[in-house]
Structures are given as C-alpha cells and as structure tokens.
Amino acid sequence: MESLQLAKEFAEAFADKVGQDIKILKVEELTTLADYFVLVTGQSNTQVRALADAAEDRLTELGLPAPRREGRGGESWVLMDAGSVIAHVFTREAREYYQLEKLWADADIVKFDDSEN
C-alpha cells in the first residue's frame, strides 16, 4: 500500500473512533523517519488506547502488519510506527506539550476526506 493511502487509513480509523483534530503531515522531504505523520487527540488515556487499537485493527483487516507501538499502559502519547507512516495519538495535554505541528511546521497538511476544511 502506498504511503499516502496508509496515512489516510490511519486517519479514517481515528475518525471512526471520534478522534479529534486529526492531521496528516507530509514530512517525506523533511526527514528520513517517514513519509507522513498522522496526529490525533483523544479525550482521555482510555480513548488514546482505543484510537490506537482501532488503527491497529484496521491495518490488520487490510492484511497489513500491525505497526510497532510504543506507549501502552495508560500513557498520554502512543506512537505507532508503520514504516513510511508514523501515527501519534495524544491526550490534549500531551499534544499541547510536545507541539509536533510547530516542530514540523514546514510540512504540508494533507486532506484525508471530503469533509475536511
């Protein structure tokens, strides 16, 4: 699966679980870490885990390997590494603290569905 489609699958899985402030950042020209970052905010540690689980389930349903995952067990930030796409699932406080959008401000923001502005 191409990187952009994989990023959109993450974003759609997060949207299905009512994740907030979902953003896809195109970082392929800025770093060798990944082609895209997907950011989402959950309302609690429980929702952060549910969002990460939903994305993992979606990739498995598509026949893709489960992403490497860091931050299990009540963390406020779960990082999911699927190779060309890295998803960051935050609580609001963690997202404000780490400010990845500011750190990667030169990245283009990619729309993932027709309902986005």
PDB file of N, CA and C in Angstrom:
ATOM      1  N   MET A   1       0.848  -1.183   0.000  1.00  0.00           N
ATOM      2  CA  MET A   1       0.000   0.000   0.000  1.00  0.00           C
ATOM      3  C   MET A   1       0.890   1.241   0.000  1.00  0.00           C
ATOM      4  N   GLU A   2       0.520   2.182  -0.795  1.00  0.00           N
ATOM      5  CA  GLU A   2       1.290   3.425  -0.896  1.00  0.00           C
ATOM      6  C   GLU A   2       1.176   4.225   0.416  1.00  0.00           C
ATOM      7  N   SER A   3       2.205   4.998   0.711  1.00  0.00           N
ATOM      8  CA  SER A   3       2.296   5.726   1.986  1.00  0.00           C
ATOM      9  C   SER A   3       1.104   6.642   2.253  1.00  0.00           C
ATOM     10  N   LEU A   4       0.691   7.393   1.245  1.00  0.00           N
ATOM     11  CA  LEU A   4      -0.421   8.318   1.446  1.00  0.00           C
ATOM     12  C   LEU A   4      -1.704   7.560   1.786  1.00  0.00           C
ATOM     13  N   GLN A   5      -1.968   6.463   1.101  1.00  0.00           N
ATOM     14  CA  GLN A   5      -3.169   5.686   1.400  1.00  0.00           C
ATOM     15  C   GLN A   5      -3.100   5.103   2.810  1.00  0.00           C
ATOM     16  N   LEU A   6      -1.929   4.672   3.219  1.00  0.00           N
ATOM     17  CA  LEU A   6      -1.747   4.152   4.576  1.00  0.00           C
ATOM     18  C   LEU A   6      -2.025   5.245   5.611  1.00  0.00           C
ATOM     19  N   ALA A   7      -1.530   6.445   5.366  1.00  0.00           N
ATOM     20  CA  ALA A   7      -1.794   7.565   6.275  1.00  0.00           C
ATOM     21  C   ALA A   7      -3.292   7.847   6.362  1.00  0.00           C
ATOM     22  N   LYS A   8      -3.964   7.790   5.223  1.00  0.00           N
ATOM     23  CA  LYS A   8      -5.412   8.026   5.209  1.00  0.00           C
ATOM     24  C   LYS A   8      -6.164   6.918   5.951  1.00  0.00           C
ATOM     25  N   GLU A   9      -5.683   5.684   5.888  1.00  0.00           N
ATOM     26  CA  GLU A   9      -6.315   4.594   6.629  1.00  0.00           C
ATOM     27  C   GLU A   9      -6.209   4.841   8.132  1.00  0.00           C
ATOM     28  N   PHE A  10      -5.048   5.295   8.586  1.00  0.00           N
ATOM     29  CA  PHE A  10      -4.897   5.672   9.994  1.00  0.00           C
ATOM     30  C   PHE A  10      -5.913   6.763  10.346  1.00  0.00           C
ATOM     31  N   ALA A  11      -5.947   7.817   9.540  1.00  0.00           N
ATOM     32  CA  ALA A  11      -6.827   8.952   9.820  1.00  0.00           C
ATOM     33  C   ALA A  11      -8.292   8.525   9.860  1.00  0.00           C
ATOM     34  N   GLU A  12      -8.696   7.682   8.926  1.00  0.00           N
ATOM     35  CA  GLU A  12     -10.091   7.234   8.898  1.00  0.00           C
ATOM     36  C   GLU A  12     -10.417   6.352  10.103  1.00  0.00           C
ATOM     37  N   ALA A  13      -9.473   5.521  10.514  1.00  0.00           N
ATOM     38  CA  ALA A  13      -9.694   4.704  11.724  1.00  0.00           C
ATOM     39  C   ALA A  13      -9.856   5.605  12.942  1.00  0.00           C
ATOM     40  N   PHE A  14      -9.055   6.663  13.018  1.00  0.00           N
ATOM     41  CA  PHE A  14      -9.171   7.603  14.137  1.00  0.00           C
ATOM     42  C   PHE A  14     -10.503   8.341  14.090  1.00  0.00           C
ATOM     43  N   ALA A  15     -10.922   8.732  12.901  1.00  0.00           N
ATOM     44  CA  ALA A  15     -12.202   9.440  12.750  1.00  0.00           C
ATOM     45  C   ALA A  15     -13.371   8.540  13.159  1.00  0.00           C
ATOM     46  N   ASP A  16     -13.291   7.265  12.827  1.00  0.00           N
ATOM     47  CA  ASP A  16     -14.346   6.324  13.201  1.00  0.00           C
ATOM     48  C   ASP A  16     -14.503   6.205  14.711  1.00  0.00           C
ATOM     49  N   LYS A  17     -13.428   6.444  15.449  1.00  0.00           N
ATOM     50  CA  LYS A  17     -13.467   6.368  16.918  1.00  0.00           C
ATOM     51  C   LYS A  17     -13.545   7.760  17.551  1.00  0.00           C
ATOM     52  N   VAL A  18     -13.956   8.736  16.759  1.00  0.00           N
ATOM     53  CA  VAL A  18     -14.207  10.108  17.208  1.00  0.00           C
ATOM     54  C   VAL A  18     -12.939  10.775  17.755  1.00  0.00           C
ATOM     55  N   GLY A  19     -11.808  10.481  17.109  1.00  0.00           N
ATOM     56  CA  GLY A  19     -10.586  11.210  17.437  1.00  0.00           C
ATOM     57  C   GLY A  19     -10.742  12.663  17.027  1.00  0.00           C
ATOM     58  N   GLN A  20     -10.062  13.544  17.717  1.00  0.00           N
ATOM     59  CA  GLN A  20     -10.192  14.973  17.443  1.00  0.00           C
ATOM     60  C   GLN A  20      -8.926  15.544  16.820  1.00  0.00           C
ATOM     61  N   ASP A  21      -9.113  16.607  16.060  1.00  0.00           N
ATOM     62  CA  ASP A  21      -8.020  17.372  15.459  1.00  0.00           C
ATOM     63  C   ASP A  21      -7.047  16.457  14.706  1.00  0.00           C
ATOM     64  N   ILE A  22      -7.597  15.642  13.812  1.00  0.00           N
ATOM     65  CA  ILE A  22      -6.785  14.702  13.042  1.00  0.00           C
ATOM     66  C   ILE A  22      -6.061  15.467  11.931  1.00  0.00           C
ATOM     67  N   LYS A  23      -4.759  15.250  11.848  1.00  0.00           N
ATOM     68  CA  LYS A  23      -3.961  15.901  10.804  1.00  0.00           C
ATOM     69  C   LYS A  23      -2.999  14.889  10.208  1.00  0.00           C
ATOM     70  N   ILE A  24      -2.837  14.972   8.894  1.00  0.00           N
ATOM     71  CA  ILE A  24      -1.805  14.212   8.191  1.00  0.00           C
ATOM     72  C   ILE A  24      -0.757  15.229   7.736  1.00  0.00           C
ATOM     73  N   LEU A  25       0.469  15.031   8.177  1.00  0.00           N
ATOM     74  CA  LEU A  25       1.573  15.909   7.797  1.00  0.00           C
ATOM     75  C   LEU A  25       2.473  15.169   6.812  1.00  0.00           C
ATOM     76  N   LYS A  26       2.726  15.780   5.677  1.00  0.00           N
ATOM     77  CA  LYS A  26       3.633  15.203   4.689  1.00  0.00           C
ATOM     78  C   LYS A  26       5.053  15.645   5.054  1.00  0.00           C
ATOM     79  N   VAL A  27       5.842  14.696   5.544  1.00  0.00           N
ATOM     80  CA  VAL A  27       7.182  15.029   6.044  1.00  0.00           C
ATOM     81  C   VAL A  27       8.298  14.386   5.216  1.00  0.00           C
ATOM     82  N   GLU A  28       7.936  13.741   4.102  1.00  0.00           N
ATOM     83  CA  GLU A  28       8.919  12.966   3.341  1.00  0.00           C
ATOM     84  C   GLU A  28      10.104  13.792   2.841  1.00  0.00           C
ATOM     85  N   GLU A  29       9.900  15.072   2.614  1.00  0.00           N
ATOM     86  CA  GLU A  29      11.004  15.906   2.139  1.00  0.00           C
ATOM     87  C   GLU A  29      11.767  16.567   3.284  1.00  0.00           C
ATOM     88  N   LEU A  30      11.293  16.332   4.525  1.00  0.00           N
ATOM     89  CA  LEU A  30      11.895  16.973   5.692  1.00  0.00           C
ATOM     90  C   LEU A  30      12.688  16.020   6.576  1.00  0.00           C
ATOM     91  N   THR A  31      12.430  14.717   6.437  1.00  0.00           N
ATOM     92  CA  THR A  31      13.082  13.738   7.303  1.00  0.00           C
ATOM     93  C   THR A  31      13.119  12.380   6.621  1.00  0.00           C
ATOM     94  N   THR A  32      14.018  11.532   7.078  1.00  0.00           N
ATOM     95  CA  THR A  32      14.064  10.157   6.595  1.00  0.00           C
ATOM     96  C   THR A  32      13.274   9.222   7.515  1.00  0.00           C
ATOM     97  N   LEU A  33      12.685   9.762   8.568  1.00  0.00           N
ATOM     98  CA  LEU A  33      11.931   8.938   9.523  1.00  0.00           C
ATOM     99  C   LEU A  33      10.703   8.299   8.897  1.00  0.00           C
ATOM    100  N   ALA A  34       9.989   9.054   8.080  1.00  0.00           N
ATOM    101  CA  ALA A  34       8.727   8.586   7.499  1.00  0.00           C
ATOM    102  C   ALA A  34       8.336   9.522   6.374  1.00  0.00           C
ATOM    103  N   ASP A  35       7.335   9.099   5.597  1.00  0.00           N
ATOM    104  CA  ASP A  35       6.767   9.958   4.567  1.00  0.00           C
ATOM    105  C   ASP A  35       5.661  10.848   5.135  1.00  0.00           C
ATOM    106  N   TYR A  36       4.906  10.279   6.102  1.00  0.00           N
ATOM    107  CA  TYR A  36       3.775  11.004   6.685  1.00  0.00           C
ATOM    108  C   TYR A  36       3.714  10.767   8.187  1.00  0.00           C
ATOM    109  N   PHE A  37       3.292  11.797   8.901  1.00  0.00           N
ATOM    110  CA  PHE A  37       2.900  11.683  10.300  1.00  0.00           C
ATOM    111  C   PHE A  37       1.389  11.882  10.343  1.00  0.00           C
ATOM    112  N   VAL A  38       0.722  11.111  11.161  1.00  0.00           N
ATOM    113  CA  VAL A  38      -0.705  11.299  11.397  1.00  0.00           C
ATOM    114  C   VAL A  38      -0.854  11.630  12.874  1.00  0.00           C
ATOM    115  N   LEU A  39      -1.511  12.744  13.172  1.00  0.00           N
ATOM    116  CA  LEU A  39      -1.697  13.199  14.550  1.00  0.00           C
ATOM    117  C   LEU A  39      -3.174  13.170  14.896  1.00  0.00           C
ATOM    118  N   VAL A  40      -3.482  12.751  16.119  1.00  0.00           N
ATOM    119  CA  VAL A  40      -4.864  12.731  16.591  1.00  0.00           C
ATOM    120  C   VAL A  40      -4.866  12.945  18.098  1.00  0.00           C
ATOM    121  N   THR A  41      -5.945  13.538  18.577  1.00  0.00           N
ATOM    122  CA  THR A  41      -6.119  13.778  20.007  1.00  0.00           C
ATOM    123  C   THR A  41      -7.287  12.966  20.532  1.00  0.00           C
ATOM    124  N   GLY A  42      -7.064  12.310  21.660  1.00  0.00           N
ATOM    125  CA  GLY A  42      -8.115  11.613  22.388  1.00  0.00           C
ATOM    126  C   GLY A  42      -8.443  12.379  23.659  1.00  0.00           C
ATOM    127  N   GLN A  43      -9.642  12.196  24.155  1.00  0.00           N
ATOM    128  CA  GLN A  43     -10.111  12.944  25.329  1.00  0.00           C
ATOM    129  C   GLN A  43      -9.579  12.403  26.654  1.00  0.00           C
ATOM    130  N   SER A  44      -9.044  11.193  26.645  1.00  0.00           N
ATOM    131  CA  SER A  44      -8.541  10.577  27.876  1.00  0.00           C
ATOM    132  C   SER A  44      -7.514   9.513  27.500  1.00  0.00           C
ATOM    133  N   ASN A  45      -6.818   8.995  28.508  1.00  0.00           N
ATOM    134  CA  ASN A  45      -5.884   7.900  28.241  1.00  0.00           C
ATOM    135  C   ASN A  45      -6.619   6.695  27.673  1.00  0.00           C
ATOM    136  N   THR A  46      -7.843   6.471  28.139  1.00  0.00           N
ATOM    137  CA  THR A  46      -8.645   5.357  27.647  1.00  0.00           C
ATOM    138  C   THR A  46      -8.945   5.533  26.163  1.00  0.00           C
ATOM    139  N   GLN A  47      -9.331   6.747  25.751  1.00  0.00           N
ATOM    140  CA  GLN A  47      -9.613   6.962  24.340  1.00  0.00           C
ATOM    141  C   GLN A  47      -8.335   6.892  23.508  1.00  0.00           C
ATOM    142  N   VAL A  48      -7.222   7.349  24.055  1.00  0.00           N
ATOM    143  CA  VAL A  48      -5.948   7.236  23.334  1.00  0.00           C
ATOM    144  C   VAL A  48      -5.682   5.771  23.010  1.00  0.00           C
ATOM    145  N   ARG A  49      -5.851   4.889  23.986  1.00  0.00           N
ATOM    146  CA  ARG A  49      -5.659   3.454  23.745  1.00  0.00           C
ATOM    147  C   ARG A  49      -6.667   2.930  22.715  1.00  0.00           C
ATOM    148  N   ALA A  50      -7.925   3.361  22.819  1.00  0.00           N
ATOM    149  CA  ALA A  50      -8.960   2.906  21.880  1.00  0.00           C
ATOM    150  C   ALA A  50      -8.648   3.368  20.457  1.00  0.00           C
ATOM    151  N   LEU A  51      -8.163   4.571  20.296  1.00  0.00           N
ATOM    152  CA  LEU A  51      -7.799   5.075  18.970  1.00  0.00           C
ATOM    153  C   LEU A  51      -6.653   4.254  18.376  1.00  0.00           C
ATOM    154  N   ALA A  52      -5.640   3.983  19.193  1.00  0.00           N
ATOM    155  CA  ALA A  52      -4.506   3.182  18.727  1.00  0.00           C
ATOM    156  C   ALA A  52      -4.962   1.765  18.374  1.00  0.00           C
ATOM    157  N   ASP A  53      -5.810   1.180  19.208  1.00  0.00           N
ATOM    158  CA  ASP A  53      -6.322  -0.162  18.928  1.00  0.00           C
ATOM    159  C   ASP A  53      -7.119  -0.187  17.626  1.00  0.00           C
ATOM    160  N   ALA A  54      -7.925   0.846  17.394  1.00  0.00           N
ATOM    161  CA  ALA A  54      -8.744   0.910  16.183  1.00  0.00           C
ATOM    162  C   ALA A  54      -7.867   0.975  14.936  1.00  0.00           C
ATOM    163  N   ALA A  55      -6.802   1.753  14.986  1.00  0.00           N
ATOM    164  CA  ALA A  55      -5.898   1.850  13.838  1.00  0.00           C
ATOM    165  C   ALA A  55      -5.197   0.519  13.605  1.00  0.00           C
ATOM    166  N   GLU A  56      -4.761  -0.119  14.670  1.00  0.00           N
ATOM    167  CA  GLU A  56      -4.106  -1.420  14.548  1.00  0.00           C
ATOM    168  C   GLU A  56      -5.066  -2.455  13.942  1.00  0.00           C
ATOM    169  N   ASP A  57      -6.311  -2.458  14.413  1.00  0.00           N
ATOM    170  CA  ASP A  57      -7.319  -3.381  13.886  1.00  0.00           C
ATOM    171  C   ASP A  57      -7.576  -3.136  12.403  1.00  0.00           C
ATOM    172  N   ARG A  58      -7.636  -1.855  12.020  1.00  0.00           N
ATOM    173  CA  ARG A  58      -7.909  -1.526  10.613  1.00  0.00           C
ATOM    174  C   ARG A  58      -6.793  -2.030   9.704  1.00  0.00           C
ATOM    175  N   LEU A  59      -5.540  -1.839  10.122  1.00  0.00           N
ATOM    176  CA  LEU A  59      -4.422  -2.306   9.296  1.00  0.00           C
ATOM    177  C   LEU A  59      -4.438  -3.825   9.190  1.00  0.00           C
ATOM    178  N   THR A  60      -4.740  -4.495  10.286  1.00  0.00           N
ATOM    179  CA  THR A  60      -4.819  -5.950  10.277  1.00  0.00           C
ATOM    180  C   THR A  60      -5.917  -6.426   9.334  1.00  0.00           C
ATOM    181  N   GLU A  61      -7.074  -5.754   9.367  1.00  0.00           N
ATOM    182  CA  GLU A  61      -8.175  -6.101   8.460  1.00  0.00           C
ATOM    183  C   GLU A  61      -7.776  -5.941   6.998  1.00  0.00           C
ATOM    184  N   LEU A  62      -6.884  -5.002   6.728  1.00  0.00           N
ATOM    185  CA  LEU A  62      -6.418  -4.765   5.364  1.00  0.00           C
ATOM    186  C   LEU A  62      -5.293  -5.727   4.967  1.00  0.00           C
ATOM    187  N   GLY A  63      -4.922  -6.619   5.884  1.00  0.00           N
ATOM    188  CA  GLY A  63      -3.866  -7.581   5.608  1.00  0.00           C
ATOM    189  C   GLY A  63      -2.468  -7.030   5.775  1.00  0.00           C
ATOM    190  N   LEU A  64      -2.360  -5.898   6.469  1.00  0.00           N
ATOM    191  CA  LEU A  64      -1.059  -5.270   6.710  1.00  0.00           C
ATOM    192  C   LEU A  64      -0.548  -5.665   8.090  1.00  0.00           C
ATOM    193  N   PRO A  65       0.754  -5.661   8.264  1.00  0.00           N
ATOM    194  CA  PRO A  65       1.274  -5.983   9.596  1.00  0.00           C
ATOM    195  C   PRO A  65       0.903  -4.896  10.601  1.00  0.00           C
ATOM    196  N   ALA A  66       0.721  -5.302  11.840  1.00  0.00           N
ATOM    197  CA  ALA A  66       0.433  -4.326  12.897  1.00  0.00           C
ATOM    198  C   ALA A  66       1.650  -3.417  13.059  1.00  0.00           C
ATOM    199  N   PRO A  67       1.417  -2.126  13.238  1.00  0.00           N
ATOM    200  CA  PRO A  67       2.551  -1.211  13.416  1.00  0.00           C
ATOM    201  C   PRO A  67       3.253  -1.468  14.747  1.00  0.00           C
ATOM    202  N   ARG A  68       4.535  -1.126  14.788  1.00  0.00           N
ATOM    203  CA  ARG A  68       5.240  -1.146  16.071  1.00  0.00           C
ATOM    204  C   ARG A  68       4.610  -0.063  16.935  1.00  0.00           C
ATOM    205  N   ARG A  69       4.476  -0.349  18.206  1.00  0.00           N
ATOM    206  CA  ARG A  69       3.704   0.545  19.067  1.00  0.00           C
ATOM    207  C   ARG A  69       4.455   0.795  20.366  1.00  0.00           C
ATOM    208  N   GLU A  70       4.562   2.054  20.736  1.00  0.00           N
ATOM    209  CA  GLU A  70       5.179   2.467  21.997  1.00  0.00           C
ATOM    210  C   GLU A  70       4.165   3.273  22.791  1.00  0.00           C
ATOM    211  N   GLY A  71       4.148   3.097  24.101  1.00  0.00           N
ATOM    212  CA  GLY A  71       3.279   3.905  24.946  1.00  0.00           C
ATOM    213  C   GLY A  71       2.037   3.188  25.411  1.00  0.00           C
ATOM    214  N   ARG A  72       2.079   1.897  25.554  1.00  0.00           N
ATOM    215  CA  ARG A  72       0.929   1.159  26.080  1.00  0.00           C
ATOM    216  C   ARG A  72       0.827   1.390  27.584  1.00  0.00           C
ATOM    217  N   GLY A  73      -0.332   1.083  28.129  1.00  0.00           N
ATOM    218  CA  GLY A  73      -0.467   1.087  29.586  1.00  0.00           C
ATOM    219  C   GLY A  73      -0.751   2.435  30.188  1.00  0.00           C
ATOM    220  N   GLY A  74      -1.741   3.145  29.662  1.00  0.00           N
ATOM    221  CA  GLY A  74      -2.170   4.382  30.308  1.00  0.00           C
ATOM    222  C   GLY A  74      -1.364   5.606  29.961  1.00  0.00           C
ATOM    223  N   GLU A  75      -0.575   5.520  28.919  1.00  0.00           N
ATOM    224  CA  GLU A  75       0.230   6.666  28.528  1.00  0.00           C
ATOM    225  C   GLU A  75      -0.624   7.748  27.869  1.00  0.00           C
ATOM    226  N   SER A  76      -0.106   8.946  27.862  1.00  0.00           N
ATOM    227  CA  SER A  76      -0.808  10.056  27.234  1.00  0.00           C
ATOM    228  C   SER A  76      -0.388  10.253  25.778  1.00  0.00           C
ATOM    229  N   TRP A  77       0.573   9.441  25.328  1.00  0.00           N
ATOM    230  CA  TRP A  77       1.033   9.516  23.942  1.00  0.00           C
ATOM    231  C   TRP A  77       1.371   8.111  23.479  1.00  0.00           C
ATOM    232  N   VAL A  78       0.719   7.653  22.431  1.00  0.00           N
ATOM    233  CA  VAL A  78       1.046   6.370  21.821  1.00  0.00           C
ATOM    234  C   VAL A  78       1.601   6.662  20.434  1.00  0.00           C
ATOM    235  N   LEU A  79       2.765   6.111  20.154  1.00  0.00           N
ATOM    236  CA  LEU A  79       3.394   6.250  18.847  1.00  0.00           C
ATOM    237  C   LEU A  79       3.241   4.922  18.122  1.00  0.00           C
ATOM    238  N   MET A  80       2.776   4.994  16.885  1.00  0.00           N
ATOM    239  CA  MET A  80       2.582   3.795  16.066  1.00  0.00           C
ATOM    240  C   MET A  80       3.412   3.929  14.797  1.00  0.00           C
ATOM    241  N   ASP A  81       4.393   3.053  14.633  1.00  0.00           N
ATOM    242  CA  ASP A  81       5.324   3.125  13.516  1.00  0.00           C
ATOM    243  C   ASP A  81       4.988   2.043  12.501  1.00  0.00           C
ATOM    244  N   ALA A  82       4.472   2.465  11.359  1.00  0.00           N
ATOM    245  CA  ALA A  82       4.145   1.545  10.271  1.00  0.00           C
ATOM    246  C   ALA A  82       5.142   1.678   9.124  1.00  0.00           C
ATOM    247  N   GLY A  83       6.345   2.121   9.437  1.00  0.00           N
ATOM    248  CA  GLY A  83       7.383   2.281   8.410  1.00  0.00           C
ATOM    249  C   GLY A  83       7.307   3.639   7.758  1.00  0.00           C
ATOM    250  N   SER A  84       6.601   3.745   6.660  1.00  0.00           N
ATOM    251  CA  SER A  84       6.523   5.013   5.938  1.00  0.00           C
ATOM    252  C   SER A  84       5.535   5.997   6.577  1.00  0.00           C
ATOM    253  N   VAL A  85       4.764   5.514   7.549  1.00  0.00           N
ATOM    254  CA  VAL A  85       3.798   6.359   8.253  1.00  0.00           C
ATOM    255  C   VAL A  85       3.975   6.155   9.755  1.00  0.00           C
ATOM    256  N   ILE A  86       4.045   7.262  10.479  1.00  0.00           N
ATOM    257  CA  ILE A  86       4.103   7.215  11.941  1.00  0.00           C
ATOM    258  C   ILE A  86       2.905   7.986  12.462  1.00  0.00           C
ATOM    259  N   ALA A  87       2.112   7.316  13.292  1.00  0.00           N
ATOM    260  CA  ALA A  87       0.934   7.948  13.886  1.00  0.00           C
ATOM    261  C   ALA A  87       1.238   8.295  15.343  1.00  0.00           C
ATOM    262  N   HIS A  88       0.780   9.468  15.742  1.00  0.00           N
ATOM    263  CA  HIS A  88       0.944   9.954  17.111  1.00  0.00           C
ATOM    264  C   HIS A  88      -0.446  10.168  17.693  1.00  0.00           C
ATOM    265  N   VAL A  89      -0.767   9.423  18.742  1.00  0.00           N
ATOM    266  CA  VAL A  89      -2.070   9.507  19.387  1.00  0.00           C
ATOM    267  C   VAL A  89      -1.840  10.127  20.764  1.00  0.00           C
ATOM    268  N   PHE A  90      -2.406  11.313  20.978  1.00  0.00           N
ATOM    269  CA  PHE A  90      -2.133  12.093  22.184  1.00  0.00           C
ATOM    270  C   PHE A  90      -3.386  12.358  23.004  1.00  0.00           C
ATOM    271  N   THR A  91      -3.189  12.625  24.286  1.00  0.00           N
ATOM    272  CA  THR A  91      -4.192  13.364  25.045  1.00  0.00           C
ATOM    273  C   THR A  91      -3.991  14.835  24.664  1.00  0.00           C
ATOM    274  N   ARG A  92      -4.972  15.659  24.944  1.00  0.00           N
ATOM    275  CA  ARG A  92      -4.854  17.084  24.615  1.00  0.00           C
ATOM    276  C   ARG A  92      -3.625  17.704  25.292  1.00  0.00           C
ATOM    277  N   GLU A  93      -3.412  17.366  26.563  1.00  0.00           N
ATOM    278  CA  GLU A  93      -2.283  17.942  27.302  1.00  0.00           C
ATOM    279  C   GLU A  93      -0.947  17.552  26.681  1.00  0.00           C
ATOM    280  N   ALA A  94      -0.812  16.289  26.301  1.00  0.00           N
ATOM    281  CA  ALA A  94       0.440  15.833  25.689  1.00  0.00           C
ATOM    282  C   ALA A  94       0.659  16.485  24.334  1.00  0.00           C
ATOM    283  N   ARG A  95      -0.397  16.616  23.558  1.00  0.00           N
ATOM    284  CA  ARG A  95      -0.250  17.246  22.231  1.00  0.00           C
ATOM    285  C   ARG A  95       0.168  18.694  22.367  1.00  0.00           C
ATOM    286  N   GLU A  96      -0.403  19.397  23.326  1.00  0.00           N
ATOM    287  CA  GLU A  96      -0.016  20.797  23.552  1.00  0.00           C
ATOM    288  C   GLU A  96       1.420  20.892  24.068  1.00  0.00           C
ATOM    289  N   TYR A  97       1.827  19.947  24.884  1.00  0.00           N
ATOM    290  CA  TYR A  97       3.181  19.966  25.442  1.00  0.00           C
ATOM    291  C   TYR A  97       4.236  19.713  24.363  1.00  0.00           C
ATOM    292  N   TYR A  98       4.031  18.675  23.540  1.00  0.00           N
ATOM    293  CA  TYR A  98       5.047  18.294  22.552  1.00  0.00           C
ATOM    294  C   TYR A  98       5.001  19.138  21.278  1.00  0.00           C
ATOM    295  N   GLN A  99       3.875  19.707  20.948  1.00  0.00           N
ATOM    296  CA  GLN A  99       3.733  20.639  19.826  1.00  0.00           C
ATOM    297  C   GLN A  99       4.394  20.154  18.531  1.00  0.00           C
ATOM    298  N   LEU A 100       4.048  18.941  18.106  1.00  0.00           N
ATOM    299  CA  LEU A 100       4.650  18.406  16.877  1.00  0.00           C
ATOM    300  C   LEU A 100       4.302  19.229  15.651  1.00  0.00           C
ATOM    301  N   GLU A 101       3.099  19.805  15.627  1.00  0.00           N
ATOM    302  CA  GLU A 101       2.757  20.654  14.479  1.00  0.00           C
ATOM    303  C   GLU A 101       3.713  21.840  14.368  1.00  0.00           C
ATOM    304  N   LYS A 102       4.124  22.386  15.492  1.00  0.00           N
ATOM    305  CA  LYS A 102       5.064  23.504  15.482  1.00  0.00           C
ATOM    306  C   LYS A 102       6.463  23.014  15.075  1.00  0.00           C
ATOM    307  N   LEU A 103       6.850  21.864  15.605  1.00  0.00           N
ATOM    308  CA  LEU A 103       8.163  21.301  15.277  1.00  0.00           C
ATOM    309  C   LEU A 103       8.273  20.989  13.781  1.00  0.00           C
ATOM    310  N   TRP A 104       7.177  20.510  13.188  1.00  0.00           N
ATOM    311  CA  TRP A 104       7.149  20.144  11.773  1.00  0.00           C
ATOM    312  C   TRP A 104       6.324  21.157  10.972  1.00  0.00           C
ATOM    313  N   ALA A 105       6.450  22.427  11.302  1.00  0.00           N
ATOM    314  CA  ALA A 105       5.652  23.484  10.673  1.00  0.00           C
ATOM    315  C   ALA A 105       5.879  23.596   9.164  1.00  0.00           C
ATOM    316  N   ASP A 106       7.005  23.125   8.677  1.00  0.00           N
ATOM    317  CA  ASP A 106       7.279  23.189   7.234  1.00  0.00           C
ATOM    318  C   ASP A 106       6.586  22.071   6.452  1.00  0.00           C
ATOM    319  N   ALA A 107       5.965  21.140   7.142  1.00  0.00           N
ATOM    320  CA  ALA A 107       5.282  20.030   6.477  1.00  0.00           C
ATOM    321  C   ALA A 107       3.957  20.504   5.885  1.00  0.00           C
ATOM    322  N   ASP A 108       3.598  19.935   4.750  1.00  0.00           N
ATOM    323  CA  ASP A 108       2.287  20.189   4.155  1.00  0.00           C
ATOM    324  C   ASP A 108       1.238  19.378   4.916  1.00  0.00           C
ATOM    325  N   ILE A 109       0.055  19.950   5.084  1.00  0.00           N
ATOM    326  CA  ILE A 109      -1.066  19.234   5.690  1.00  0.00           C
ATOM    327  C   ILE A 109      -1.892  18.643   4.551  1.00  0.00           C
ATOM    328  N   VAL A 110      -2.168  17.348   4.644  1.00  0.00           N
ATOM    329  CA  VAL A 110      -2.872  16.619   3.597  1.00  0.00           C
ATOM    330  C   VAL A 110      -4.305  16.349   4.039  1.00  0.00           C
ATOM    331  N   LYS A 111      -5.274  16.642   3.167  1.00  0.00           N
ATOM    332  CA  LYS A 111      -6.664  16.305   3.463  1.00  0.00           C
ATOM    333  C   LYS A 111      -6.841  14.799   3.345  1.00  0.00           C
ATOM    334  N   PHE A 112      -7.676  14.234   4.232  1.00  0.00           N
ATOM    335  CA  PHE A 112      -7.881  12.794   4.141  1.00  0.00           C
ATOM    336  C   PHE A 112      -9.295  12.409   3.759  1.00  0.00           C
ATOM    337  N   ASP A 113     -10.217  13.370   3.745  1.00  0.00           N
ATOM    338  CA  ASP A 113     -11.559  13.095   3.225  1.00  0.00           C
ATOM    339  C   ASP A 113     -12.211  14.399   2.792  1.00  0.00           C
ATOM    340  N   ASP A 114     -13.360  14.292   2.173  1.00  0.00           N
ATOM    341  CA  ASP A 114     -14.018  15.469   1.624  1.00  0.00           C
ATOM    342  C   ASP A 114     -14.650  16.375   2.678  1.00  0.00           C
ATOM    343  N   SER A 115     -14.764  15.899   3.922  1.00  0.00           N
ATOM    344  CA  SER A 115     -15.406  16.703   4.961  1.00  0.00           C
ATOM    345  C   SER A 115     -14.459  17.678   5.640  1.00  0.00           C
ATOM    346  N   GLU A 116     -13.164  17.580   5.340  1.00  0.00           N
ATOM    347  CA  GLU A 116     -12.208  18.479   5.982  1.00  0.00           C
ATOM    348  C   GLU A 116     -12.186  19.833   5.289  1.00  0.00           C
ATOM    349  N   ASN A 117     -11.785  20.824   6.045  1.00  0.00           N
ATOM    350  CA  ASN A 117     -11.657  22.192   5.505  1.00  0.00           C
ATOM    351  C   ASN A 117     -10.328  22.376   4.818  1.00  0.00           C
TER     352      ASN A 117
END
